[in-house]
Amino acid sequence: QVQLVESGGGSVQPGGSLRLSCAGSGINFRLSVMGWYRPAPGKERAMVAVITVDARTTYADSVTGRFAISRDDAKNTAYLQLDSLKSEDTAVHYCYALRLTGTRYWGQGTQVTVSS
């Protein structure tokens, strides 16, 4: 059974930082593309950041320069460092895994709240 468990969400003031973690189990983690998504206007979930199996990264325009995705395959964990947070970053952030077979998995989400 595949499980993706997020942690690290919370409440911070504008300009603050958080680090999200996504621990995977039951999946060949090192052969999976990992990503973070969150709701966006008109979309149930929009890409925030993605990291490929060879550590190439892609970011949404709205977070480029502020967020950083990384992975530690030895720990079966993906991370999302969120810096210079803005109120518009407030959302549930979901971890995502894409296997080579095309099967997709989602975590349960972790809430990020940015408010003064």
C-alpha atoms as a PDB file:
ATOM      1  CA  GLN A   1       0.000   0.000   0.000  1.00  0.00           C
ATOM      2  CA  VAL A   2       1.423   3.345  -1.060  1.00  0.00           C
ATOM      3  CA  GLN A   3       1.398   6.122   1.492  1.00  0.00           C
ATOM      4  CA  LEU A   4       2.581   9.704   1.269  1.00  0.00           C
ATOM      5  CA  VAL A   5       2.581  11.497   4.600  1.00  0.00           C
ATOM      6  CA  GLU A   6       3.139  15.247   4.708  1.00  0.00           C
ATOM      7  CA  SER A   7       4.278  17.226   7.700  1.00  0.00           C
ATOM      8  CA  GLY A   8       5.681  20.629   8.514  1.00  0.00           C
ATOM      9  CA  GLY A   9       2.733  22.864   7.806  1.00  0.00           C
ATOM     10  CA  GLY A  10       1.710  25.616  10.186  1.00  0.00           C
ATOM     11  CA  SER A  11       0.963  29.287  10.656  1.00  0.00           C
ATOM     12  CA  VAL A  12       3.550  31.985  10.010  1.00  0.00           C
ATOM     13  CA  GLN A  13       3.640  35.718   9.443  1.00  0.00           C
ATOM     14  CA  PRO A  14       4.299  37.191   6.009  1.00  0.00           C
ATOM     15  CA  GLY A  15       7.973  36.892   5.177  1.00  0.00           C
ATOM     16  CA  GLY A  16       8.332  33.790   7.298  1.00  0.00           C
ATOM     17  CA  SER A  17       9.498  30.296   6.371  1.00  0.00           C
ATOM     18  CA  LEU A  18       8.332  26.722   6.627  1.00  0.00           C
ATOM     19  CA  ARG A  19       9.749  23.385   5.539  1.00  0.00           C
ATOM     20  CA  LEU A  20       7.342  20.728   4.373  1.00  0.00           C
ATOM     21  CA  SER A  21       8.262  17.050   4.296  1.00  0.00           C
ATOM     22  CA  CYS A  22       6.676  14.167   2.406  1.00  0.00           C
ATOM     23  CA  ALA A  23       7.592  10.685   3.553  1.00  0.00           C
ATOM     24  CA  GLY A  24       6.780   7.908   1.115  1.00  0.00           C
ATOM     25  CA  SER A  25       6.279   4.214   1.755  1.00  0.00           C
ATOM     26  CA  GLY A  26       5.215   1.279  -0.377  1.00  0.00           C
ATOM     27  CA  ILE A  27       6.648   2.944  -3.471  1.00  0.00           C
ATOM     28  CA  ASN A  28       9.935   2.809  -5.344  1.00  0.00           C
ATOM     29  CA  PHE A  29      10.715   6.337  -4.250  1.00  0.00           C
ATOM     30  CA  ARG A  30      13.917   6.834  -6.198  1.00  0.00           C
ATOM     31  CA  LEU A  31      12.093   6.032  -9.459  1.00  0.00           C
ATOM     32  CA  SER A  32       9.213   8.413  -8.765  1.00  0.00           C
ATOM     33  CA  VAL A  33       8.792  12.010  -9.783  1.00  0.00           C
ATOM     34  CA  MET A  34       7.843  13.956  -6.667  1.00  0.00           C
ATOM     35  CA  GLY A  35       5.944  17.182  -6.446  1.00  0.00           C
ATOM     36  CA  TRP A  36       3.910  19.594  -4.403  1.00  0.00           C
ATOM     37  CA  TYR A  37       0.538  20.949  -5.462  1.00  0.00           C
ATOM     38  CA  ARG A  38      -2.041  23.290  -3.973  1.00  0.00           C
ATOM     39  CA  PRO A  39      -5.458  24.635  -4.966  1.00  0.00           C
ATOM     40  CA  ALA A  40      -5.509  27.592  -7.340  1.00  0.00           C
ATOM     41  CA  PRO A  41      -8.309  29.708  -8.808  1.00  0.00           C
ATOM     42  CA  GLY A  42     -10.165  27.511 -11.247  1.00  0.00           C
ATOM     43  CA  LYS A  43      -8.082  24.456 -10.413  1.00  0.00           C
ATOM     44  CA  GLU A  44      -8.519  21.825  -7.784  1.00  0.00           C
ATOM     45  CA  ARG A  45      -4.754  21.443  -7.589  1.00  0.00           C
ATOM     46  CA  ALA A  46      -2.034  23.355  -9.406  1.00  0.00           C
ATOM     47  CA  MET A  47       1.639  22.527  -9.552  1.00  0.00           C
ATOM     48  CA  VAL A  48       3.839  24.343  -7.056  1.00  0.00           C
ATOM     49  CA  ALA A  49       7.100  22.465  -7.603  1.00  0.00           C
ATOM     50  CA  VAL A  50       8.232  19.187  -9.119  1.00  0.00           C
ATOM     51  CA  ILE A  51      11.500  17.271  -8.906  1.00  0.00           C
ATOM     52  CA  THR A  52      12.389  14.470 -11.298  1.00  0.00           C
ATOM     53  CA  VAL A  53      14.254  11.260 -10.533  1.00  0.00           C
ATOM     54  CA  ASP A  54      17.491  12.961 -11.616  1.00  0.00           C
ATOM     55  CA  ALA A  55      16.741  16.011  -9.451  1.00  0.00           C
ATOM     56  CA  ARG A  56      15.681  18.434 -12.155  1.00  0.00           C
ATOM     57  CA  THR A  57      13.252  20.975 -10.726  1.00  0.00           C
ATOM     58  CA  THR A  58      10.333  22.977 -12.050  1.00  0.00           C
ATOM     59  CA  TYR A  59       8.460  25.720 -10.218  1.00  0.00           C
ATOM     60  CA  ALA A  60       5.279  27.675 -10.659  1.00  0.00           C
ATOM     61  CA  ASP A  61       5.979  31.296 -11.571  1.00  0.00           C
ATOM     62  CA  SER A  62       4.364  32.462  -8.356  1.00  0.00           C
ATOM     63  CA  VAL A  63       6.895  30.658  -6.147  1.00  0.00           C
ATOM     64  CA  THR A  64      10.084  30.823  -8.231  1.00  0.00           C
ATOM     65  CA  GLY A  65      12.896  32.245  -6.152  1.00  0.00           C
ATOM     66  CA  ARG A  66      11.030  31.709  -2.893  1.00  0.00           C
ATOM     67  CA  PHE A  67      10.434  27.951  -2.703  1.00  0.00           C
ATOM     68  CA  ALA A  68      12.888  25.087  -3.152  1.00  0.00           C
ATOM     69  CA  ILE A  69      12.040  21.430  -3.683  1.00  0.00           C
ATOM     70  CA  SER A  70      14.500  18.675  -2.873  1.00  0.00           C
ATOM     71  CA  ARG A  71      14.571  14.956  -2.281  1.00  0.00           C
ATOM     72  CA  ASP A  72      16.483  12.461  -0.175  1.00  0.00           C
ATOM     73  CA  ASP A  73      15.994   9.060  -1.767  1.00  0.00           C
ATOM     74  CA  ALA A  74      17.832   7.325   1.073  1.00  0.00           C
ATOM     75  CA  LYS A  75      15.098   8.569   3.415  1.00  0.00           C
ATOM     76  CA  ASN A  76      12.225   8.200   0.925  1.00  0.00           C
ATOM     77  CA  THR A  77      11.409  11.824   1.625  1.00  0.00           C
ATOM     78  CA  ALA A  78      10.772  14.906  -0.467  1.00  0.00           C
ATOM     79  CA  TYR A  79      10.954  18.425   0.914  1.00  0.00           C
ATOM     80  CA  LEU A  80       9.604  21.829   0.076  1.00  0.00           C
ATOM     81  CA  GLN A  81      11.355  24.829   1.620  1.00  0.00           C
ATOM     82  CA  LEU A  82       9.028  27.820   1.667  1.00  0.00           C
ATOM     83  CA  ASP A  83      10.686  31.210   2.211  1.00  0.00           C
ATOM     84  CA  SER A  84       9.425  34.785   1.943  1.00  0.00           C
ATOM     85  CA  LEU A  85       5.907  33.517   2.438  1.00  0.00           C
ATOM     86  CA  LYS A  86       2.993  35.656   1.324  1.00  0.00           C
ATOM     87  CA  SER A  87      -0.664  35.604   2.311  1.00  0.00           C
ATOM     88  CA  GLU A  88      -1.513  34.160  -1.098  1.00  0.00           C
ATOM     89  CA  ASP A  89       0.540  31.072  -0.238  1.00  0.00           C
ATOM     90  CA  THR A  90      -2.118  30.126   2.295  1.00  0.00           C
ATOM     91  CA  ALA A  91      -3.456  26.749   1.184  1.00  0.00           C
ATOM     92  CA  VAL A  92      -3.380  23.043   1.815  1.00  0.00           C
ATOM     93  CA  HIS A  93      -0.220  21.763   0.152  1.00  0.00           C
ATOM     94  CA  TYR A  94      -0.370  18.221  -1.226  1.00  0.00           C
ATOM     95  CA  CYS A  95       2.519  15.880  -1.903  1.00  0.00           C
ATOM     96  CA  TYR A  96       2.390  13.991  -5.188  1.00  0.00           C
ATOM     97  CA  ALA A  97       4.255  10.984  -6.550  1.00  0.00           C
ATOM     98  CA  LEU A  98       4.272   9.873 -10.162  1.00  0.00           C
ATOM     99  CA  ARG A  99       5.554   6.401 -10.895  1.00  0.00           C
ATOM    100  CA  LEU A 100       7.164   5.416 -14.180  1.00  0.00           C
ATOM    101  CA  THR A 101       4.004   3.417 -14.909  1.00  0.00           C
ATOM    102  CA  GLY A 102       2.024   6.653 -14.888  1.00  0.00           C
ATOM    103  CA  THR A 103       0.236   5.875 -11.631  1.00  0.00           C
ATOM    104  CA  ARG A 104      -0.205   8.921  -9.415  1.00  0.00           C
ATOM    105  CA  TYR A 105      -0.479   9.084  -5.662  1.00  0.00           C
ATOM    106  CA  TRP A 106      -1.443  11.924  -3.327  1.00  0.00           C
ATOM    107  CA  GLY A 107      -0.839  12.656   0.308  1.00  0.00           C
ATOM    108  CA  GLN A 108      -3.505  13.912   2.658  1.00  0.00           C
ATOM    109  CA  GLY A 109      -2.220  17.490   2.581  1.00  0.00           C
ATOM    110  CA  THR A 110      -0.709  19.861   5.112  1.00  0.00           C
ATOM    111  CA  GLN A 111      -2.079  23.319   5.837  1.00  0.00           C
ATOM    112  CA  VAL A 112       0.087  26.393   5.321  1.00  0.00           C
ATOM    113  CA  THR A 113      -1.352  29.622   6.712  1.00  0.00           C
ATOM    114  CA  VAL A 114       0.343  32.983   6.218  1.00  0.00           C
ATOM    115  CA  SER A 115      -1.225  35.781   8.214  1.00  0.00           C
ATOM    116  CA  SER A 116      -0.223  38.769  10.268  1.00  0.00           C
END
